[in-house]
Structure formats: structure tokens, C-alpha cells
Amino acid sequence: MLNTGSELTVLQGVAQFVSYAVLAVFAENVVFSRALGVSRLLKLVSDGEVKTWQFCLPILAVQLFSAPLGWLAHTRLFPFLRGHLPPWLPTQALRPLVYLGCAFLATAAVWALLQLPPRRKAAPYLAQLPLAAVNCSVLGTLLVCANQNYTLLQTVAFGLGSGVGYLFAVFAVDEGRRRLLSKDIPVIFKGLPSALIYMGILALAIYGLVGHSVVI
């Protein structure tokens, strides 16, 4: 049976998880704060053959599964390697390869889970899974968590929030693209220029609300 102290600890953990997830969705949004994944996002918005959920759900799953793997690599693997590598090979040089390996393992786990539903329903998500793995590496969530020395709980929350944040960015840009079809917009700004200006304004708005960094 939980006592008062245990209940407070659980509530604090839940509050911290939600806080870091929200931080990743808005204040540290991969698109609006770090301008990562923009090229694929713009192509996805204008691509009528690929639905948003079919692309973003695999990204969210890969981000979530790779987060604890990245934390283990940062807290367990790198300290172990530091004592066994030659002086000319710092552990920082291996971080990209290790984090790519984490994304690969997470992708394999998501692929295995997608074998459970009927093939017809899982096929669209399986088709987008390789791109999701690539974008998981491009978004750099594991590197951000490592640089900030996040705990396991914070890393998982930030990974989940990064996936949700990318989904939020897709919906925001898609809605903006519809409104930017207005006849009042000069022809020279229609299409990609207006979309980039719109994303820049959104990024500035988020920057104005939260500032350069957020400390929780």
C-alpha cells in the first residue's frame, strides 16, 4: 500500500514526465526550434499519397523506443568504452554510430510490432518505417538528451514529446498551407516561399513565448 511519501514521488515522476514531454512538443520542437526534418515535412504536407498518421506514427514509435536505448548508451556503454579505447579515439567520435544503432534497434522493434496486426492495415506504416528511422536520426533527440544529461524518465518523455512535436508541426504547417492558398497572397510568394515564411513566424512566436532555453 502506498504511503503519502510514495504517492508524492509517483506524482512528481508523472509531473516531470509530462513536463519534459510538453517541453519537447513546444519549447524544444524539432522543427520550429532546431529546424530539423523540415524538408521531409514540407514534402509530406504536399504529398497526397502518404497520410500524415502513416508517416508520423512510425516516427513517434521509433523515437519512443530508441530513447531508453540512447540513455543506456550514454550512461553505461560510453563510460565502459572510455576506459578501453585508445587515446586517439574519443567516445564522442562514436556517438553518431551508436545512436544510429539505437535507431536501428528501435526500428526493428517497431517492425516486429507491426507484424501483429493484419498485413493490410500494417502495410502503409511498414512502407514508411525506413524513412521514420532516418528521420529519427535526423531529429537528433538522443544527442539532445545526452548533452543535457537527462535521466531515463526525462529521456523517454523527451523522446515521446519529440515524436508528438513533429506530428504537431505537420498539422500546423498543413493548416497553414491551406490558408496560404488565398488569392490575396502574391504569386511570387505562393508555394514553398510562403510555407517557409509561415514556419519562420511560428518559430519566432514559440521563441518569444519560451525564450532561448527552458529550465525545469
Protein backbone atom coordinates (compact mmCIF):
# COMPACT_ATOMS: atom_id res chain seq x y z
CA MET A 1 0.00 0.00 0.00
CA LEU A 2 1.34 3.43 -0.97
CA ASN A 3 2.00 5.93 1.79
CA THR A 4 1.96 9.70 1.43
CA GLY A 5 5.65 9.90 0.56
CA SER A 6 5.32 7.25 -2.14
CA GLU A 7 2.28 8.96 -3.61
CA LEU A 8 4.16 12.25 -3.79
CA THR A 9 7.09 10.54 -5.50
CA VAL A 10 4.78 8.99 -8.09
CA LEU A 11 3.02 12.30 -8.70
CA GLN A 12 6.35 14.09 -9.02
CA GLY A 13 7.52 11.50 -11.54
CA VAL A 14 4.32 11.86 -13.58
CA ALA A 15 4.58 15.66 -13.45
CA GLN A 16 8.21 15.53 -14.57
CA PHE A 17 7.36 13.13 -17.41
CA VAL A 18 4.55 15.38 -18.65
CA SER A 19 6.73 18.50 -18.28
CA TYR A 20 9.53 17.14 -20.43
CA ALA A 21 7.11 15.77 -23.00
CA VAL A 22 5.44 19.18 -23.29
CA LEU A 23 8.90 20.78 -23.42
CA ALA A 24 9.76 18.63 -26.45
CA VAL A 25 6.42 19.34 -28.16
CA PHE A 26 6.56 23.12 -27.92
CA ALA A 27 9.65 24.80 -26.44
CA GLU A 28 12.14 22.35 -27.98
CA ASN A 29 10.11 21.40 -31.05
CA VAL A 30 12.44 19.71 -33.53
CA VAL A 31 11.02 21.69 -36.46
CA PHE A 32 10.34 25.12 -35.00
CA SER A 33 13.26 25.28 -32.52
CA ARG A 34 16.02 23.39 -34.33
CA ALA A 35 14.76 23.44 -37.95
CA LEU A 36 15.33 19.70 -38.32
CA GLY A 37 13.24 17.49 -40.58
CA VAL A 38 11.87 20.50 -42.48
CA SER A 39 12.48 19.15 -45.98
CA ARG A 40 10.62 15.91 -45.34
CA LEU A 41 7.84 17.74 -43.51
CA LEU A 42 7.20 20.04 -46.48
CA LYS A 43 7.14 17.07 -48.87
CA LEU A 44 4.78 15.18 -46.57
CA VAL A 45 2.35 18.10 -46.38
CA SER A 46 2.12 18.34 -50.16
CA ASP A 47 2.09 14.57 -50.78
CA GLY A 48 -1.46 13.35 -51.26
CA GLU A 49 -0.47 9.68 -51.37
CA VAL A 50 1.02 9.46 -47.86
CA LYS A 51 -1.26 10.24 -44.93
CA THR A 52 0.14 12.17 -42.00
CA TRP A 53 -0.57 9.43 -39.47
CA GLN A 54 1.08 6.79 -41.66
CA PHE A 55 4.36 8.68 -41.56
CA CYS A 56 4.29 10.26 -38.10
CA LEU A 57 3.20 7.26 -36.02
CA PRO A 58 6.28 5.21 -37.02
CA ILE A 59 8.46 8.23 -36.18
CA LEU A 60 6.78 8.55 -32.80
CA ALA A 61 7.25 4.84 -32.08
CA VAL A 62 10.90 4.78 -33.16
CA GLN A 63 11.62 7.91 -31.10
CA LEU A 64 9.97 6.36 -28.04
CA PHE A 65 11.76 3.00 -28.35
CA SER A 66 15.15 4.50 -29.10
CA ALA A 67 15.07 6.85 -26.09
CA PRO A 68 15.89 4.26 -23.37
CA LEU A 69 18.50 2.69 -25.67
CA GLY A 70 20.16 6.08 -26.09
CA TRP A 71 20.11 6.62 -22.33
CA LEU A 72 21.74 3.23 -21.73
CA ALA A 73 24.40 4.04 -24.31
CA HIS A 74 25.13 7.41 -22.67
CA THR A 75 25.19 6.19 -19.07
CA ARG A 76 26.55 2.65 -19.44
CA LEU A 77 28.20 1.99 -22.80
CA PHE A 78 30.22 5.18 -23.24
CA PRO A 79 31.73 5.11 -19.71
CA PHE A 80 32.73 1.49 -20.34
CA LEU A 81 34.29 2.30 -23.71
CA ARG A 82 36.12 5.32 -22.31
CA GLY A 83 38.44 3.03 -20.36
CA HIS A 84 39.11 0.66 -23.27
CA LEU A 85 39.51 2.94 -26.29
CA PRO A 86 42.91 4.23 -27.44
CA PRO A 87 43.67 7.88 -26.60
CA TRP A 88 43.33 8.96 -30.25
CA LEU A 89 39.72 7.71 -30.41
CA PRO A 90 37.40 9.71 -28.09
CA THR A 91 33.96 8.33 -27.28
CA GLN A 92 32.36 11.43 -28.83
CA ALA A 93 33.53 10.17 -32.23
CA LEU A 94 31.49 7.01 -31.78
CA ARG A 95 28.29 8.70 -30.67
CA PRO A 96 26.77 9.05 -34.18
CA LEU A 97 27.32 5.35 -34.92
CA VAL A 98 25.98 4.27 -31.53
CA TYR A 99 22.87 6.44 -31.83
CA LEU A 100 22.29 5.16 -35.36
CA GLY A 101 22.48 1.66 -33.90
CA CYS A 102 19.88 2.63 -31.28
CA ALA A 103 17.58 3.90 -34.03
CA PHE A 104 18.11 0.67 -35.98
CA LEU A 105 17.22 -1.49 -32.96
CA ALA A 106 14.17 0.64 -32.25
CA THR A 107 13.11 0.33 -35.88
CA ALA A 108 13.46 -3.45 -35.68
CA ALA A 109 11.25 -3.48 -32.56
CA VAL A 110 8.59 -1.37 -34.28
CA TRP A 111 8.77 -3.61 -37.35
CA ALA A 112 8.18 -6.66 -35.14
CA LEU A 113 5.17 -5.00 -33.51
CA LEU A 114 3.71 -4.16 -36.92
CA GLN A 115 3.69 -7.86 -37.76
CA LEU A 116 0.91 -8.39 -35.20
CA PRO A 117 -1.97 -6.52 -36.95
CA PRO A 118 -3.39 -7.75 -40.28
CA ARG A 119 -0.97 -7.19 -43.13
CA ARG A 120 -3.38 -4.93 -45.00
CA LYS A 121 -3.64 -2.49 -42.10
CA ALA A 122 0.06 -2.52 -41.22
CA ALA A 123 1.36 -2.20 -44.81
CA PRO A 124 1.15 1.65 -45.04
CA TYR A 125 3.08 2.02 -41.77
CA LEU A 126 5.67 -0.57 -42.78
CA ALA A 127 6.24 1.29 -46.04
CA GLN A 128 7.08 4.48 -44.11
CA LEU A 129 9.17 2.79 -41.41
CA PRO A 130 12.58 3.15 -43.15
CA LEU A 131 12.00 6.90 -43.59
CA ALA A 132 10.89 7.08 -39.96
CA ALA A 133 14.18 5.52 -38.88
CA VAL A 134 16.16 8.01 -40.97
CA ASN A 135 14.18 10.95 -39.59
CA CYS A 136 14.65 9.68 -36.04
CA SER A 137 18.39 10.04 -36.62
CA VAL A 138 17.99 13.44 -38.32
CA LEU A 139 15.90 14.89 -35.47
CA GLY A 140 18.78 14.28 -33.04
CA THR A 141 16.67 13.58 -29.96
CA LEU A 142 19.18 11.17 -28.43
CA LEU A 143 22.02 13.66 -28.86
CA VAL A 144 20.00 16.43 -27.17
CA CYS A 145 19.13 14.17 -24.23
CA ALA A 146 22.77 13.11 -23.86
CA ASN A 147 24.06 16.69 -23.96
CA GLN A 148 21.52 17.71 -21.31
CA ASN A 149 22.31 14.65 -19.11
CA TYR A 150 18.64 13.72 -18.85
CA THR A 151 17.56 10.86 -16.61
CA LEU A 152 15.83 7.78 -18.04
CA LEU A 153 12.39 9.20 -17.27
CA GLN A 154 13.26 12.56 -18.80
CA THR A 155 14.80 10.91 -21.88
CA VAL A 156 11.74 8.75 -22.56
CA ALA A 157 9.43 11.73 -22.04
CA PHE A 158 11.53 13.89 -24.35
CA GLY A 159 11.60 11.15 -26.99
CA LEU A 160 7.83 10.80 -26.87
CA GLY A 161 7.37 14.56 -26.93
CA SER A 162 9.71 14.91 -29.92
CA GLY A 163 7.57 12.49 -31.91
CA VAL A 164 4.37 14.27 -30.89
CA GLY A 165 6.06 17.60 -31.63
CA TYR A 166 6.84 16.52 -35.17
CA LEU A 167 3.22 15.47 -35.62
CA PHE A 168 2.11 18.84 -34.24
CA ALA A 169 4.41 20.63 -36.70
CA VAL A 170 2.97 18.67 -39.64
CA PHE A 171 -0.59 19.56 -38.67
CA ALA A 172 0.33 23.22 -38.07
CA VAL A 173 2.11 23.55 -41.44
CA ASP A 174 -0.67 21.66 -43.23
CA GLU A 175 -3.31 24.00 -41.80
CA GLY A 176 -1.18 27.00 -42.69
CA ARG A 177 -0.72 25.70 -46.25
CA ARG A 178 -4.49 25.60 -46.72
CA ARG A 179 -4.83 29.18 -45.56
CA LEU A 180 -1.90 30.29 -47.71
CA LEU A 181 -3.85 29.32 -50.83
CA SER A 182 -5.67 32.64 -50.52
CA LYS A 183 -5.85 34.79 -53.66
CA ASP A 184 -4.60 37.76 -51.63
CA ILE A 185 -1.09 36.28 -51.47
CA PRO A 186 1.18 37.50 -54.29
CA VAL A 187 2.02 34.83 -56.84
CA ILE A 188 5.75 35.13 -56.16
CA PHE A 189 5.22 34.06 -52.53
CA LYS A 190 2.89 31.14 -53.16
CA GLY A 191 4.09 27.60 -52.53
CA LEU A 192 7.42 26.99 -50.81
CA PRO A 193 8.30 30.65 -50.02
CA SER A 194 5.06 31.30 -48.15
CA ALA A 195 5.37 27.96 -46.31
CA LEU A 196 8.90 28.79 -45.12
CA ILE A 197 7.86 32.30 -44.04
CA TYR A 198 4.90 30.80 -42.16
CA MET A 199 7.16 28.30 -40.37
CA GLY A 200 9.60 31.06 -39.51
CA ILE A 201 6.83 33.15 -37.95
CA LEU A 202 5.67 30.14 -35.91
CA ALA A 203 9.25 29.55 -34.74
CA LEU A 204 9.60 33.21 -33.71
CA ALA A 205 6.28 33.04 -31.86
CA ILE A 206 7.43 29.99 -29.87
CA TYR A 207 10.79 31.66 -29.24
CA GLY A 208 9.02 34.76 -27.95
CA LEU A 209 6.91 32.71 -25.53
CA VAL A 210 9.57 30.47 -24.03
CA GLY A 211 12.86 32.25 -24.73
CA HIS A 212 16.09 30.62 -25.77
CA SER A 213 16.04 27.83 -23.19
CA VAL A 214 13.73 26.36 -20.60
CA VAL A 215 14.92 25.09 -17.24
CA ILE A 216 12.64 22.69 -15.36
